[in-house]
Protein backbone atom coordinates (compact mmCIF):
# COMPACT_ATOMS: atom_id res chain seq x y z
CA UNK A 1 115.93 107.80 69.04
CA UNK A 2 112.70 109.08 70.42
CA UNK A 3 111.18 109.61 73.77
CA UNK A 4 112.14 107.50 76.82
CA UNK A 5 109.42 106.19 79.25
CA UNK A 6 109.57 104.10 82.42
CA UNK A 7 107.73 100.82 82.94
CA UNK A 8 107.32 99.92 86.51
CA UNK A 9 106.68 96.34 87.58
CA UNK A 10 105.35 96.07 91.22
CA UNK A 11 106.16 92.69 92.91
CA UNK A 12 104.75 93.82 96.36
CA UNK A 13 102.03 91.33 96.50
CA UNK A 14 104.39 88.43 95.65
CA UNK A 15 107.19 89.34 98.13
CA UNK A 16 107.16 87.88 101.67
CA UNK A 17 107.67 90.30 104.63
CA UNK A 18 111.18 91.38 104.69
CA UNK A 19 111.99 89.71 101.23
CA UNK A 20 113.79 92.07 98.65
CA UNK A 21 114.42 92.12 94.96
CA UNK A 22 118.11 91.14 94.53
CA UNK A 23 118.25 91.10 90.61
CA UNK A 24 116.11 92.04 87.75
CA UNK A 25 116.20 91.30 83.98
CA UNK A 26 113.89 92.68 81.23
CA UNK A 27 113.33 91.44 77.72
CA UNK A 28 111.14 92.75 74.85
CA UNK A 29 109.34 90.92 72.10
CA UNK A 30 107.09 91.93 69.40
CA UNK A 31 103.44 91.07 70.31
CA UNK A 32 101.94 92.61 67.18
CA UNK A 33 103.50 94.38 64.11
CA UNK A 34 106.98 93.95 62.73
CA UNK A 35 110.38 95.00 64.43
CA UNK A 36 113.23 92.61 63.77
CA UNK A 37 115.26 93.95 66.82
CA UNK A 38 112.59 94.51 69.58
CA UNK A 39 115.28 94.59 72.28
CA UNK A 40 116.56 97.99 70.95
CA UNK A 41 113.53 99.68 72.72
CA UNK A 42 115.16 98.72 76.17
CA UNK A 43 117.19 101.52 77.52
CA UNK A 44 119.83 100.32 79.92
CA UNK A 45 119.24 97.81 82.82
CA UNK A 46 116.29 97.73 84.97
CA UNK A 47 116.57 99.79 88.37
CA UNK A 48 115.54 97.94 91.51
CA UNK A 49 113.70 99.78 94.45
CA UNK A 50 111.91 96.89 96.32
CA UNK A 51 109.08 96.13 95.68
CA UNK A 52 109.52 97.52 92.13
CA UNK A 53 111.69 97.12 89.13
CA UNK A 54 111.67 99.74 86.52
CA UNK A 55 112.71 99.45 82.92
CA UNK A 56 113.21 102.49 80.60
CA UNK A 57 112.00 101.99 77.05
CA UNK A 58 112.71 104.25 74.05
CA UNK A 59 110.93 104.59 70.83
CA UNK A 60 112.92 104.26 67.59
CA UNK A 61 112.30 104.14 63.81
CA UNK A 62 110.99 100.62 63.96
CA UNK A 63 108.71 101.02 66.79
CA UNK A 64 105.84 102.92 65.15
CA UNK A 65 102.63 100.89 64.95
CA UNK A 66 104.29 97.85 66.94
CA UNK A 67 102.84 96.47 70.20
CA UNK A 68 105.67 95.07 72.34
CA UNK A 69 105.43 92.78 75.37
CA UNK A 70 108.21 93.68 77.86
CA UNK A 71 108.70 91.05 80.54
CA UNK A 72 110.56 91.60 83.89
CA UNK A 73 112.08 88.61 85.82
CA UNK A 74 113.22 89.16 89.33
CA UNK A 75 115.10 87.12 91.83
CA UNK A 76 114.77 87.72 95.45
CA UNK A 77 116.67 87.65 98.67
CA UNK A 78 114.80 84.33 99.41
CA UNK A 79 115.92 82.95 95.95
CA UNK A 80 112.44 83.10 94.50
CA UNK A 81 111.94 84.00 90.84
CA UNK A 82 108.85 85.98 89.73
CA UNK A 83 108.07 87.71 86.41
CA UNK A 84 105.54 90.14 85.12
CA UNK A 85 104.76 91.42 81.61
CA UNK A 86 103.28 94.60 80.10
CA UNK A 87 102.24 95.32 76.65
CA UNK A 88 103.25 98.78 75.40
CA UNK A 89 102.91 100.71 72.01
CA UNK A 90 104.49 103.86 70.73
CA UNK A 91 102.07 105.91 68.75
CA UNK A 92 104.91 107.64 66.74
CA UNK A 93 108.70 107.16 66.92
CA UNK A 94 109.06 110.41 68.74
CA UNK A 95 105.74 110.67 70.24
CA UNK A 96 103.52 109.36 72.94
CA UNK A 97 103.53 106.02 74.68
CA UNK A 98 100.75 103.65 75.90
CA UNK A 99 101.08 100.81 78.14
CA UNK A 100 98.41 98.50 79.75
CA UNK A 101 100.33 97.51 82.94
CA UNK A 102 99.66 93.89 82.52
C-alpha cells in the first residue's frame, strides 16, 4: 500500500440551519485509465463532522496513472440526500496525490 490522503466533501451550502449529516457513503470509479478494483483506494468508512464528510484514500499498485472519481452521498437529519464528487489521481503508487475538489 502507498500513502493515505483525506478527501473532504463540504455540504455546508446545502444544509439548512440546524440540519446535520447523519450518514455518509463513498464510492470510487475509474474516470480514466485502468483499475479493475477501484474501490480498493477507499480506506475505511467516511468520517462525519457536519458540515463535512471525509474519506481516506490510499494509493496501490493499480492506481498509478489512473484518474478516479470519488462520490460521497450523505443523508441528513432532515432526511435529505446530497452528493458530491471529486476526481483524484495518484502520481506514483507510493507518492503524491492530486485532487481537483469537484
